[in-house]
Amino acid sequence: MIRHIGPVASTATIVLRAQAEGRRVYVVPKADNKAQLLARIAGALHFPDYFGHNLDALYDCLGDLSWLPSGPRTIVWDDALSFLRTDRATYGAVESIFDITSRLAHDDTDVVLCMR
C-alpha cells in the first residue's frame, strides 16, 4: 500500500506511529537527482551489492526484500514532494514501482511518501 502524507505530519511522527504499530521503518532521505535517489533507497533498505542502480533493478529489489527481517515494514520517502518538483518523470516511475511492488508483496510492506 502506498500513502501520500502532507505537511501535517513530520517524518519523525510518521516513523514513531509506524514503530508503535510494531513495524520496522526504513527512511529514504531527501534526494536531489535520480542517481542520488536510487543510492539512498538502496542504502535505506540495505540492498544487496548486485543492485544495478537503475529503475529495473529497483523494481527487482523492491519486489524481493528477503534480506530484510520478516514482519510488517514501512518505507518512508522523506521530502518526496521536492523530488517531484525537480524530476517529475523519475518521481512518477519510482512512485509506480513502490506502488506495484508493495501491492504484490506477500508480506506487510507499506510505503509513505512525505509530500511537503
PDB file of N, CA and C in Angstrom:
ATOM      1  N   MET A   1       0.848  -1.175   0.000  1.00  0.00           N
ATOM      2  CA  MET A   1       0.000   0.000   0.000  1.00  0.00           C
ATOM      3  C   MET A   1       0.894   1.240   0.000  1.00  0.00           C
ATOM      4  N   ILE A   2       0.479   2.245  -0.719  1.00  0.00           N
ATOM      5  CA  ILE A   2       1.222   3.498  -0.758  1.00  0.00           C
ATOM      6  C   ILE A   2       0.310   4.621  -0.267  1.00  0.00           C
ATOM      7  N   ARG A   3       0.876   5.497   0.567  1.00  0.00           N
ATOM      8  CA  ARG A   3       0.115   6.639   1.086  1.00  0.00           C
ATOM      9  C   ARG A   3       0.919   7.909   0.863  1.00  0.00           C
ATOM     10  N   HIS A   4       0.219   8.988   0.578  1.00  0.00           N
ATOM     11  CA  HIS A   4       0.832  10.308   0.454  1.00  0.00           C
ATOM     12  C   HIS A   4       0.416  11.116   1.682  1.00  0.00           C
ATOM     13  N   ILE A   5       1.407  11.593   2.421  1.00  0.00           N
ATOM     14  CA  ILE A   5       1.145  12.352   3.641  1.00  0.00           C
ATOM     15  C   ILE A   5       1.600  13.788   3.424  1.00  0.00           C
ATOM     16  N   GLY A   6       0.714  14.729   3.685  1.00  0.00           N
ATOM     17  CA  GLY A   6       1.014  16.146   3.505  1.00  0.00           C
ATOM     18  C   GLY A   6       1.830  16.718   4.642  1.00  0.00           C
ATOM     19  N   PRO A   7       1.910  18.027   4.689  1.00  0.00           N
ATOM     20  CA  PRO A   7       2.780  18.696   5.655  1.00  0.00           C
ATOM     21  C   PRO A   7       2.299  18.632   7.106  1.00  0.00           C
ATOM     22  N   VAL A   8       1.164  18.024   7.351  1.00  0.00           N
ATOM     23  CA  VAL A   8       0.638  17.999   8.720  1.00  0.00           C
ATOM     24  C   VAL A   8       1.427  17.075   9.645  1.00  0.00           C
ATOM     25  N   ALA A   9       2.148  16.119   9.085  1.00  0.00           N
ATOM     26  CA  ALA A   9       2.897  15.168   9.915  1.00  0.00           C
ATOM     27  C   ALA A   9       4.374  15.199   9.539  1.00  0.00           C
ATOM     28  N   SER A  10       5.211  15.284  10.541  1.00  0.00           N
ATOM     29  CA  SER A  10       6.655  15.248  10.292  1.00  0.00           C
ATOM     30  C   SER A  10       7.086  13.807  10.029  1.00  0.00           C
ATOM     31  N   THR A  11       8.252  13.671   9.439  1.00  0.00           N
ATOM     32  CA  THR A  11       8.801  12.332   9.217  1.00  0.00           C
ATOM     33  C   THR A  11       8.966  11.606  10.546  1.00  0.00           C
ATOM     34  N   ALA A  12       9.443  12.311  11.556  1.00  0.00           N
ATOM     35  CA  ALA A  12       9.623  11.694  12.877  1.00  0.00           C
ATOM     36  C   ALA A  12       8.301  11.161  13.424  1.00  0.00           C
ATOM     37  N   THR A  13       7.224  11.909  13.239  1.00  0.00           N
ATOM     38  CA  THR A  13       5.906  11.470  13.704  1.00  0.00           C
ATOM     39  C   THR A  13       5.461  10.222  12.954  1.00  0.00           C
ATOM     40  N   ILE A  14       5.668  10.206  11.649  1.00  0.00           N
ATOM     41  CA  ILE A  14       5.294   9.042  10.835  1.00  0.00           C
ATOM     42  C   ILE A  14       6.068   7.811  11.297  1.00  0.00           C
ATOM     43  N   VAL A  15       7.360   7.985  11.530  1.00  0.00           N
ATOM     44  CA  VAL A  15       8.209   6.880  11.984  1.00  0.00           C
ATOM     45  C   VAL A  15       7.736   6.365  13.343  1.00  0.00           C
ATOM     46  N   LEU A  16       7.491   7.265  14.277  1.00  0.00           N
ATOM     47  CA  LEU A  16       7.051   6.853  15.615  1.00  0.00           C
ATOM     48  C   LEU A  16       5.717   6.115  15.574  1.00  0.00           C
ATOM     49  N   ARG A  17       4.794   6.588  14.752  1.00  0.00           N
ATOM     50  CA  ARG A  17       3.487   5.913  14.639  1.00  0.00           C
ATOM     51  C   ARG A  17       3.651   4.499  14.093  1.00  0.00           C
ATOM     52  N   ALA A  18       4.466   4.371  13.056  1.00  0.00           N
ATOM     53  CA  ALA A  18       4.678   3.047  12.463  1.00  0.00           C
ATOM     54  C   ALA A  18       5.357   2.109  13.462  1.00  0.00           C
ATOM     55  N   GLN A  19       6.352   2.609  14.168  1.00  0.00           N
ATOM     56  CA  GLN A  19       7.032   1.784  15.169  1.00  0.00           C
ATOM     57  C   GLN A  19       6.084   1.387  16.294  1.00  0.00           C
ATOM     58  N   ALA A  20       5.181   2.282  16.673  1.00  0.00           N
ATOM     59  CA  ALA A  20       4.198   1.969  17.718  1.00  0.00           C
ATOM     60  C   ALA A  20       3.258   0.848  17.275  1.00  0.00           C
ATOM     61  N   GLU A  21       3.090   0.708  15.959  1.00  0.00           N
ATOM     62  CA  GLU A  21       2.265  -0.370  15.405  1.00  0.00           C
ATOM     63  C   GLU A  21       3.067  -1.661  15.236  1.00  0.00           C
ATOM     64  N   GLY A  22       4.328  -1.645  15.664  1.00  0.00           N
ATOM     65  CA  GLY A  22       5.162  -2.838  15.563  1.00  0.00           C
ATOM     66  C   GLY A  22       5.822  -3.023  14.210  1.00  0.00           C
ATOM     67  N   ARG A  23       5.938  -1.957  13.444  1.00  0.00           N
ATOM     68  CA  ARG A  23       6.513  -2.035  12.105  1.00  0.00           C
ATOM     69  C   ARG A  23       7.991  -1.643  12.136  1.00  0.00           C
ATOM     70  N   ARG A  24       8.787  -2.292  11.300  1.00  0.00           N
ATOM     71  CA  ARG A  24      10.161  -1.841  11.066  1.00  0.00           C
ATOM     72  C   ARG A  24      10.072  -0.699  10.067  1.00  0.00           C
ATOM     73  N   VAL A  25      10.842   0.345  10.295  1.00  0.00           N
ATOM     74  CA  VAL A  25      10.746   1.537   9.448  1.00  0.00           C
ATOM     75  C   VAL A  25      12.086   1.793   8.772  1.00  0.00           C
ATOM     76  N   TYR A  26      12.010   2.084   7.480  1.00  0.00           N
ATOM     77  CA  TYR A  26      13.179   2.397   6.666  1.00  0.00           C
ATOM     78  C   TYR A  26      12.932   3.755   6.025  1.00  0.00           C
ATOM     79  N   VAL A  27      13.767   4.732   6.348  1.00  0.00           N
ATOM     80  CA  VAL A  27      13.572   6.097   5.850  1.00  0.00           C
ATOM     81  C   VAL A  27      14.532   6.362   4.699  1.00  0.00           C
ATOM     82  N   VAL A  28      13.960   6.770   3.566  1.00  0.00           N
ATOM     83  CA  VAL A  28      14.744   7.189   2.402  1.00  0.00           C
ATOM     84  C   VAL A  28      14.907   8.697   2.506  1.00  0.00           C
ATOM     85  N   PRO A  29      16.137   9.181   2.708  1.00  0.00           N
ATOM     86  CA  PRO A  29      16.342  10.623   2.874  1.00  0.00           C
ATOM     87  C   PRO A  29      16.116  11.395   1.575  1.00  0.00           C
ATOM     88  N   LYS A  30      15.954  12.689   1.731  1.00  0.00           N
ATOM     89  CA  LYS A  30      15.781  13.603   0.595  1.00  0.00           C
ATOM     90  C   LYS A  30      16.899  13.384  -0.421  1.00  0.00           C
ATOM     91  N   ALA A  31      16.522  13.407  -1.695  1.00  0.00           N
ATOM     92  CA  ALA A  31      17.487  13.252  -2.788  1.00  0.00           C
ATOM     93  C   ALA A  31      17.274  14.371  -3.796  1.00  0.00           C
ATOM     94  N   ASP A  32      18.356  14.754  -4.465  1.00  0.00           N
ATOM     95  CA  ASP A  32      18.292  15.858  -5.423  1.00  0.00           C
ATOM     96  C   ASP A  32      18.244  15.413  -6.874  1.00  0.00           C
ATOM     97  N   ASN A  33      18.573  14.148  -7.151  1.00  0.00           N
ATOM     98  CA  ASN A  33      18.557  13.667  -8.534  1.00  0.00           C
ATOM     99  C   ASN A  33      18.336  12.154  -8.537  1.00  0.00           C
ATOM    100  N   LYS A  34      18.147  11.603  -9.725  1.00  0.00           N
ATOM    101  CA  LYS A  34      17.814  10.184  -9.861  1.00  0.00           C
ATOM    102  C   LYS A  34      18.893   9.280  -9.267  1.00  0.00           C
ATOM    103  N   ALA A  35      20.148   9.533  -9.604  1.00  0.00           N
ATOM    104  CA  ALA A  35      21.231   8.684  -9.104  1.00  0.00           C
ATOM    105  C   ALA A  35      21.283   8.714  -7.579  1.00  0.00           C
ATOM    106  N   GLN A  36      21.137   9.895  -7.023  1.00  0.00           N
ATOM    107  CA  GLN A  36      21.166  10.034  -5.566  1.00  0.00           C
ATOM    108  C   GLN A  36      19.963   9.330  -4.932  1.00  0.00           C
ATOM    109  N   LEU A  37      18.792   9.456  -5.552  1.00  0.00           N
ATOM    110  CA  LEU A  37      17.598   8.797  -5.017  1.00  0.00           C
ATOM    111  C   LEU A  37      17.769   7.285  -5.007  1.00  0.00           C
ATOM    112  N   LEU A  38      18.230   6.724  -6.114  1.00  0.00           N
ATOM    113  CA  LEU A  38      18.421   5.276  -6.173  1.00  0.00           C
ATOM    114  C   LEU A  38      19.437   4.816  -5.132  1.00  0.00           C
ATOM    115  N   ALA A  39      20.507   5.581  -4.961  1.00  0.00           N
ATOM    116  CA  ALA A  39      21.517   5.237  -3.953  1.00  0.00           C
ATOM    117  C   ALA A  39      20.934   5.322  -2.542  1.00  0.00           C
ATOM    118  N   ARG A  40      20.100   6.306  -2.307  1.00  0.00           N
ATOM    119  CA  ARG A  40      19.519   6.462  -0.962  1.00  0.00           C
ATOM    120  C   ARG A  40      18.480   5.391  -0.655  1.00  0.00           C
ATOM    121  N   ILE A  41      17.708   5.001  -1.660  1.00  0.00           N
ATOM    122  CA  ILE A  41      16.773   3.886  -1.458  1.00  0.00           C
ATOM    123  C   ILE A  41      17.569   2.617  -1.158  1.00  0.00           C
ATOM    124  N   ALA A  42      18.608   2.381  -1.956  1.00  0.00           N
ATOM    125  CA  ALA A  42      19.446   1.190  -1.763  1.00  0.00           C
ATOM    126  C   ALA A  42      20.068   1.177  -0.371  1.00  0.00           C
ATOM    127  N   GLY A  43      20.541   2.328   0.079  1.00  0.00           N
ATOM    128  CA  GLY A  43      21.145   2.401   1.407  1.00  0.00           C
ATOM    129  C   GLY A  43      20.136   2.194   2.525  1.00  0.00           C
ATOM    130  N   ALA A  44      18.990   2.837   2.394  1.00  0.00           N
ATOM    131  CA  ALA A  44      17.966   2.736   3.443  1.00  0.00           C
ATOM    132  C   ALA A  44      17.449   1.311   3.601  1.00  0.00           C
ATOM    133  N   LEU A  45      17.346   0.606   2.477  1.00  0.00           N
ATOM    134  CA  LEU A  45      16.786  -0.746   2.502  1.00  0.00           C
ATOM    135  C   LEU A  45      17.862  -1.829   2.455  1.00  0.00           C
ATOM    136  N   HIS A  46      19.112  -1.421   2.580  1.00  0.00           N
ATOM    137  CA  HIS A  46      20.221  -2.380   2.640  1.00  0.00           C
ATOM    138  C   HIS A  46      20.227  -3.319   1.436  1.00  0.00           C
ATOM    139  N   PHE A  47      20.048  -2.736   0.230  1.00  0.00           N
ATOM    140  CA  PHE A  47      20.027  -3.555  -0.980  1.00  0.00           C
ATOM    141  C   PHE A  47      21.331  -4.342  -1.107  1.00  0.00           C
ATOM    142  N   PRO A  48      21.255  -5.515  -1.712  1.00  0.00           N
ATOM    143  CA  PRO A  48      22.458  -6.318  -1.942  1.00  0.00           C
ATOM    144  C   PRO A  48      23.431  -5.605  -2.897  1.00  0.00           C
ATOM    145  N   ASP A  49      24.672  -6.054  -2.881  1.00  0.00           N
ATOM    146  CA  ASP A  49      25.706  -5.438  -3.719  1.00  0.00           C
ATOM    147  C   ASP A  49      25.394  -5.518  -5.209  1.00  0.00           C
ATOM    148  N   TYR A  50      24.590  -6.483  -5.621  1.00  0.00           N
ATOM    149  CA  TYR A  50      24.296  -6.626  -7.048  1.00  0.00           C
ATOM    150  C   TYR A  50      23.274  -5.612  -7.568  1.00  0.00           C
ATOM    151  N   PHE A  51      22.731  -4.754  -6.704  1.00  0.00           N
ATOM    152  CA  PHE A  51      21.766  -3.740  -7.152  1.00  0.00           C
ATOM    153  C   PHE A  51      22.391  -2.904  -8.263  1.00  0.00           C
ATOM    154  N   GLY A  52      21.688  -2.770  -9.386  1.00  0.00           N
ATOM    155  CA  GLY A  52      22.228  -2.124 -10.578  1.00  0.00           C
ATOM    156  C   GLY A  52      22.043  -0.622 -10.680  1.00  0.00           C
ATOM    157  N   HIS A  53      21.460   0.013  -9.685  1.00  0.00           N
ATOM    158  CA  HIS A  53      21.270   1.472  -9.663  1.00  0.00           C
ATOM    159  C   HIS A  53      20.540   1.993 -10.902  1.00  0.00           C
ATOM    160  N   ASN A  54      19.472   1.285 -11.285  1.00  0.00           N
ATOM    161  CA  ASN A  54      18.575   1.755 -12.339  1.00  0.00           C
ATOM    162  C   ASN A  54      17.157   1.345 -11.951  1.00  0.00           C
ATOM    163  N   LEU A  55      16.174   1.815 -12.705  1.00  0.00           N
ATOM    164  CA  LEU A  55      14.779   1.581 -12.318  1.00  0.00           C
ATOM    165  C   LEU A  55      14.381   0.113 -12.397  1.00  0.00           C
ATOM    166  N   ASP A  56      14.906  -0.618 -13.383  1.00  0.00           N
ATOM    167  CA  ASP A  56      14.604  -2.055 -13.459  1.00  0.00           C
ATOM    168  C   ASP A  56      15.136  -2.786 -12.232  1.00  0.00           C
ATOM    169  N   ALA A  57      16.353  -2.444 -11.835  1.00  0.00           N
ATOM    170  CA  ALA A  57      16.947  -3.072 -10.651  1.00  0.00           C
ATOM    171  C   ALA A  57      16.179  -2.685  -9.386  1.00  0.00           C
ATOM    172  N   LEU A  58      15.692  -1.441  -9.339  1.00  0.00           N
ATOM    173  CA  LEU A  58      14.878  -1.008  -8.200  1.00  0.00           C
ATOM    174  C   LEU A  58      13.630  -1.874  -8.091  1.00  0.00           C
ATOM    175  N   TYR A  59      12.956  -2.088  -9.210  1.00  0.00           N
ATOM    176  CA  TYR A  59      11.761  -2.934  -9.229  1.00  0.00           C
ATOM    177  C   TYR A  59      12.097  -4.341  -8.724  1.00  0.00           C
ATOM    178  N   ASP A  60      13.194  -4.894  -9.233  1.00  0.00           N
ATOM    179  CA  ASP A  60      13.581  -6.250  -8.838  1.00  0.00           C
ATOM    180  C   ASP A  60      13.851  -6.342  -7.337  1.00  0.00           C
ATOM    181  N   CYS A  61      14.600  -5.392  -6.805  1.00  0.00           N
ATOM    182  CA  CYS A  61      14.947  -5.450  -5.380  1.00  0.00           C
ATOM    183  C   CYS A  61      13.741  -5.181  -4.483  1.00  0.00           C
ATOM    184  N   LEU A  62      12.908  -4.207  -4.854  1.00  0.00           N
ATOM    185  CA  LEU A  62      11.721  -3.937  -4.038  1.00  0.00           C
ATOM    186  C   LEU A  62      10.720  -5.087  -4.096  1.00  0.00           C
ATOM    187  N   GLY A  63      10.772  -5.850  -5.174  1.00  0.00           N
ATOM    188  CA  GLY A  63       9.877  -6.995  -5.311  1.00  0.00           C
ATOM    189  C   GLY A  63      10.293  -8.195  -4.476  1.00  0.00           C
ATOM    190  N   ASP A  64      11.512  -8.159  -3.939  1.00  0.00           N
ATOM    191  CA  ASP A  64      12.018  -9.260  -3.119  1.00  0.00           C
ATOM    192  C   ASP A  64      12.917  -8.689  -2.036  1.00  0.00           C
ATOM    193  N   LEU A  65      12.345  -8.380  -0.912  1.00  0.00           N
ATOM    194  CA  LEU A  65      13.094  -7.808   0.210  1.00  0.00           C
ATOM    195  C   LEU A  65      13.467  -8.893   1.221  1.00  0.00           C
ATOM    196  N   SER A  66      13.781 -10.079   0.716  1.00  0.00           N
ATOM    197  CA  SER A  66      14.010 -11.232   1.591  1.00  0.00           C
ATOM    198  C   SER A  66      15.224 -11.083   2.501  1.00  0.00           C
ATOM    199  N   TRP A  67      16.139 -10.189   2.191  1.00  0.00           N
ATOM    200  CA  TRP A  67      17.312  -9.974   3.054  1.00  0.00           C
ATOM    201  C   TRP A  67      16.964  -9.155   4.302  1.00  0.00           C
ATOM    202  N   LEU A  68      15.813  -8.493   4.276  1.00  0.00           N
ATOM    203  CA  LEU A  68      15.385  -7.720   5.446  1.00  0.00           C
ATOM    204  C   LEU A  68      14.680  -8.646   6.438  1.00  0.00           C
ATOM    205  N   PRO A  69      14.674  -8.275   7.710  1.00  0.00           N
ATOM    206  CA  PRO A  69      13.927  -9.082   8.683  1.00  0.00           C
ATOM    207  C   PRO A  69      12.453  -9.183   8.278  1.00  0.00           C
ATOM    208  N   SER A  70      11.870 -10.330   8.529  1.00  0.00           N
ATOM    209  CA  SER A  70      10.457 -10.508   8.183  1.00  0.00           C
ATOM    210  C   SER A  70       9.582  -9.702   9.138  1.00  0.00           C
ATOM    211  N   GLY A  71       8.341  -9.575   8.751  1.00  0.00           N
ATOM    212  CA  GLY A  71       7.389  -8.828   9.569  1.00  0.00           C
ATOM    213  C   GLY A  71       6.967  -7.549   8.883  1.00  0.00           C
ATOM    214  N   PRO A  72       6.006  -6.860   9.478  1.00  0.00           N
ATOM    215  CA  PRO A  72       5.495  -5.641   8.854  1.00  0.00           C
ATOM    216  C   PRO A  72       6.572  -4.562   8.778  1.00  0.00           C
ATOM    217  N   ARG A  73       6.597  -3.876   7.640  1.00  0.00           N
ATOM    218  CA  ARG A  73       7.585  -2.812   7.456  1.00  0.00           C
ATOM    219  C   ARG A  73       6.956  -1.622   6.757  1.00  0.00           C
ATOM    220  N   THR A  74       7.535  -0.471   7.012  1.00  0.00           N
ATOM    221  CA  THR A  74       7.111   0.766   6.364  1.00  0.00           C
ATOM    222  C   THR A  74       8.339   1.439   5.771  1.00  0.00           C
ATOM    223  N   ILE A  75       8.215   1.818   4.510  1.00  0.00           N
ATOM    224  CA  ILE A  75       9.253   2.584   3.826  1.00  0.00           C
ATOM    225  C   ILE A  75       8.754   4.018   3.753  1.00  0.00           C
ATOM    226  N   VAL A  76       9.541   4.951   4.251  1.00  0.00           N
ATOM    227  CA  VAL A  76       9.159   6.364   4.264  1.00  0.00           C
ATOM    228  C   VAL A  76      10.103   7.120   3.343  1.00  0.00           C
ATOM    229  N   TRP A  77       9.562   7.719   2.286  1.00  0.00           N
ATOM    230  CA  TRP A  77      10.361   8.558   1.389  1.00  0.00           C
ATOM    231  C   TRP A  77      10.208   9.988   1.884  1.00  0.00           C
ATOM    232  N   ASP A  78      11.234  10.484   2.540  1.00  0.00           N
ATOM    233  CA  ASP A  78      11.204  11.828   3.113  1.00  0.00           C
ATOM    234  C   ASP A  78      11.341  12.879   2.016  1.00  0.00           C
ATOM    235  N   ASP A  79      10.528  13.906   2.099  1.00  0.00           N
ATOM    236  CA  ASP A  79      10.570  15.052   1.186  1.00  0.00           C
ATOM    237  C   ASP A  79      10.400  14.647  -0.277  1.00  0.00           C
ATOM    238  N   ALA A  80       9.493  13.721  -0.525  1.00  0.00           N
ATOM    239  CA  ALA A  80       9.222  13.278  -1.893  1.00  0.00           C
ATOM    240  C   ALA A  80       8.707  14.419  -2.766  1.00  0.00           C
ATOM    241  N   LEU A  81       8.014  15.367  -2.158  1.00  0.00           N
ATOM    242  CA  LEU A  81       7.458  16.483  -2.927  1.00  0.00           C
ATOM    243  C   LEU A  81       8.545  17.307  -3.601  1.00  0.00           C
ATOM    244  N   SER A  82       9.642  17.558  -2.923  1.00  0.00           N
ATOM    245  CA  SER A  82      10.697  18.357  -3.553  1.00  0.00           C
ATOM    246  C   SER A  82      11.306  17.598  -4.727  1.00  0.00           C
ATOM    247  N   PHE A  83      11.370  16.262  -4.632  1.00  0.00           N
ATOM    248  CA  PHE A  83      11.870  15.488  -5.771  1.00  0.00           C
ATOM    249  C   PHE A  83      10.883  15.562  -6.934  1.00  0.00           C
ATOM    250  N   LEU A  84       9.601  15.498  -6.642  1.00  0.00           N
ATOM    251  CA  LEU A  84       8.581  15.634  -7.683  1.00  0.00           C
ATOM    252  C   LEU A  84       8.758  16.945  -8.435  1.00  0.00           C
ATOM    253  N   ARG A  85       9.027  18.006  -7.717  1.00  0.00           N
ATOM    254  CA  ARG A  85       9.211  19.318  -8.347  1.00  0.00           C
ATOM    255  C   ARG A  85      10.473  19.370  -9.201  1.00  0.00           C
ATOM    256  N   THR A  86      11.474  18.566  -8.852  1.00  0.00           N
ATOM    257  CA  THR A  86      12.754  18.575  -9.559  1.00  0.00           C
ATOM    258  C   THR A  86      12.755  17.660 -10.776  1.00  0.00           C
ATOM    259  N   ASP A  87      12.188  16.460 -10.631  1.00  0.00           N
ATOM    260  CA  ASP A  87      12.258  15.446 -11.691  1.00  0.00           C
ATOM    261  C   ASP A  87      10.955  14.650 -11.710  1.00  0.00           C
ATOM    262  N   ARG A  88       9.973  15.215 -12.375  1.00  0.00           N
ATOM    263  CA  ARG A  88       8.628  14.637 -12.407  1.00  0.00           C
ATOM    264  C   ARG A  88       8.614  13.220 -12.998  1.00  0.00           C
ATOM    265  N   ALA A  89       9.389  12.993 -14.048  1.00  0.00           N
ATOM    266  CA  ALA A  89       9.388  11.684 -14.712  1.00  0.00           C
ATOM    267  C   ALA A  89       9.937  10.588 -13.796  1.00  0.00           C
ATOM    268  N   THR A  90      11.068  10.844 -13.170  1.00  0.00           N
ATOM    269  CA  THR A  90      11.649   9.844 -12.272  1.00  0.00           C
ATOM    270  C   THR A  90      10.762   9.645 -11.052  1.00  0.00           C
ATOM    271  N   TYR A  91      10.218  10.730 -10.518  1.00  0.00           N
ATOM    272  CA  TYR A  91       9.299  10.615  -9.387  1.00  0.00           C
ATOM    273  C   TYR A  91       8.155   9.672  -9.755  1.00  0.00           C
ATOM    274  N   GLY A  92       7.539   9.894 -10.906  1.00  0.00           N
ATOM    275  CA  GLY A  92       6.414   9.061 -11.328  1.00  0.00           C
ATOM    276  C   GLY A  92       6.794   7.600 -11.464  1.00  0.00           C
ATOM    277  N   ALA A  93       7.969   7.352 -12.024  1.00  0.00           N
ATOM    278  CA  ALA A  93       8.428   5.973 -12.189  1.00  0.00           C
ATOM    279  C   ALA A  93       8.673   5.309 -10.834  1.00  0.00           C
ATOM    280  N   VAL A  94       9.354   6.010  -9.935  1.00  0.00           N
ATOM    281  CA  VAL A  94       9.659   5.442  -8.615  1.00  0.00           C
ATOM    282  C   VAL A  94       8.376   5.259  -7.805  1.00  0.00           C
ATOM    283  N   GLU A  95       7.481   6.222  -7.868  1.00  0.00           N
ATOM    284  CA  GLU A  95       6.198   6.087  -7.170  1.00  0.00           C
ATOM    285  C   GLU A  95       5.454   4.848  -7.671  1.00  0.00           C
ATOM    286  N   SER A  96       5.431   4.644  -8.983  1.00  0.00           N
ATOM    287  CA  SER A  96       4.758   3.472  -9.554  1.00  0.00           C
ATOM    288  C   SER A  96       5.416   2.176  -9.107  1.00  0.00           C
ATOM    289  N   ILE A  97       6.744   2.168  -9.080  1.00  0.00           N
ATOM    290  CA  ILE A  97       7.462   0.968  -8.639  1.00  0.00           C
ATOM    291  C   ILE A  97       7.143   0.669  -7.177  1.00  0.00           C
ATOM    292  N   PHE A  98       7.177   1.691  -6.330  1.00  0.00           N
ATOM    293  CA  PHE A  98       6.801   1.486  -4.922  1.00  0.00           C
ATOM    294  C   PHE A  98       5.373   0.947  -4.829  1.00  0.00           C
ATOM    295  N   ASP A  99       4.457   1.528  -5.582  1.00  0.00           N
ATOM    296  CA  ASP A  99       3.053   1.130  -5.519  1.00  0.00           C
ATOM    297  C   ASP A  99       2.874  -0.318  -5.965  1.00  0.00           C
ATOM    298  N   ILE A 100       3.426  -0.656  -7.112  1.00  0.00           N
ATOM    299  CA  ILE A 100       3.261  -2.009  -7.656  1.00  0.00           C
ATOM    300  C   ILE A 100       3.896  -3.048  -6.742  1.00  0.00           C
ATOM    301  N   THR A 101       5.134  -2.806  -6.338  1.00  0.00           N
ATOM    302  CA  THR A 101       5.823  -3.819  -5.527  1.00  0.00           C
ATOM    303  C   THR A 101       5.199  -3.967  -4.143  1.00  0.00           C
ATOM    304  N   SER A 102       4.698  -2.874  -3.578  1.00  0.00           N
ATOM    305  CA  SER A 102       4.060  -3.007  -2.261  1.00  0.00           C
ATOM    306  C   SER A 102       2.731  -3.747  -2.368  1.00  0.00           C
ATOM    307  N   ARG A 103       2.044  -3.599  -3.493  1.00  0.00           N
ATOM    308  CA  ARG A 103       0.780  -4.332  -3.684  1.00  0.00           C
ATOM    309  C   ARG A 103       1.020  -5.820  -3.943  1.00  0.00           C
ATOM    310  N   LEU A 104       2.119  -6.128  -4.638  1.00  0.00           N
ATOM    311  CA  LEU A 104       2.412  -7.516  -4.983  1.00  0.00           C
ATOM    312  C   LEU A 104       3.129  -8.269  -3.872  1.00  0.00           C
ATOM    313  N   ALA A 105       3.634  -7.553  -2.903  1.00  0.00           N
ATOM    314  CA  ALA A 105       4.412  -8.181  -1.828  1.00  0.00           C
ATOM    315  C   ALA A 105       3.550  -9.176  -1.061  1.00  0.00           C
ATOM    316  N   HIS A 106       4.169 -10.274  -0.708  1.00  0.00           N
ATOM    317  CA  HIS A 106       3.471 -11.282   0.092  1.00  0.00           C
ATOM    318  C   HIS A 106       3.719 -11.055   1.580  1.00  0.00           C
ATOM    319  N   ASP A 107       4.264  -9.897   1.874  1.00  0.00           N
ATOM    320  CA  ASP A 107       4.483  -9.528   3.268  1.00  0.00           C
ATOM    321  C   ASP A 107       3.691  -8.254   3.540  1.00  0.00           C
ATOM    322  N   ASP A 108       3.875  -7.691   4.664  1.00  0.00           N
ATOM    323  CA  ASP A 108       3.124  -6.494   5.050  1.00  0.00           C
ATOM    324  C   ASP A 108       4.028  -5.267   4.906  1.00  0.00           C
ATOM    325  N   THR A 109       4.199  -4.829   3.657  1.00  0.00           N
ATOM    326  CA  THR A 109       5.030  -3.659   3.378  1.00  0.00           C
ATOM    327  C   THR A 109       4.138  -2.521   2.917  1.00  0.00           C
ATOM    328  N   ASP A 110       4.300  -1.360   3.544  1.00  0.00           N
ATOM    329  CA  ASP A 110       3.616  -0.181   3.029  1.00  0.00           C
ATOM    330  C   ASP A 110       4.642   0.925   2.814  1.00  0.00           C
ATOM    331  N   VAL A 111       4.251   1.881   1.994  1.00  0.00           N
ATOM    332  CA  VAL A 111       5.138   2.973   1.600  1.00  0.00           C
ATOM    333  C   VAL A 111       4.439   4.284   1.903  1.00  0.00           C
ATOM    334  N   VAL A 112       5.168   5.208   2.517  1.00  0.00           N
ATOM    335  CA  VAL A 112       4.639   6.535   2.822  1.00  0.00           C
ATOM    336  C   VAL A 112       5.499   7.557   2.090  1.00  0.00           C
ATOM    337  N   LEU A 113       4.854   8.391   1.283  1.00  0.00           N
ATOM    338  CA  LEU A 113       5.550   9.476   0.598  1.00  0.00           C
ATOM    339  C   LEU A 113       5.236  10.767   1.335  1.00  0.00           C
ATOM    340  N   CYS A 114       6.265  11.410   1.858  1.00  0.00           N
ATOM    341  CA  CYS A 114       6.097  12.664   2.603  1.00  0.00           C
ATOM    342  C   CYS A 114       6.048  13.817   1.610  1.00  0.00           C
ATOM    343  N   MET A 115       4.879  14.400   1.452  1.00  0.00           N
ATOM    344  CA  MET A 115       4.646  15.436   0.442  1.00  0.00           C
ATOM    345  C   MET A 115       4.657  16.807   1.102  1.00  0.00           C
ATOM    346  N   ARG A 116       5.844  17.288   1.417  1.00  0.00           N
ATOM    347  CA  ARG A 116       5.961  18.633   1.981  1.00  0.00           C
ATOM    348  C   ARG A 116       7.158  19.327   1.419  1.00  0.00           C
TER     349      ARG A 116
END
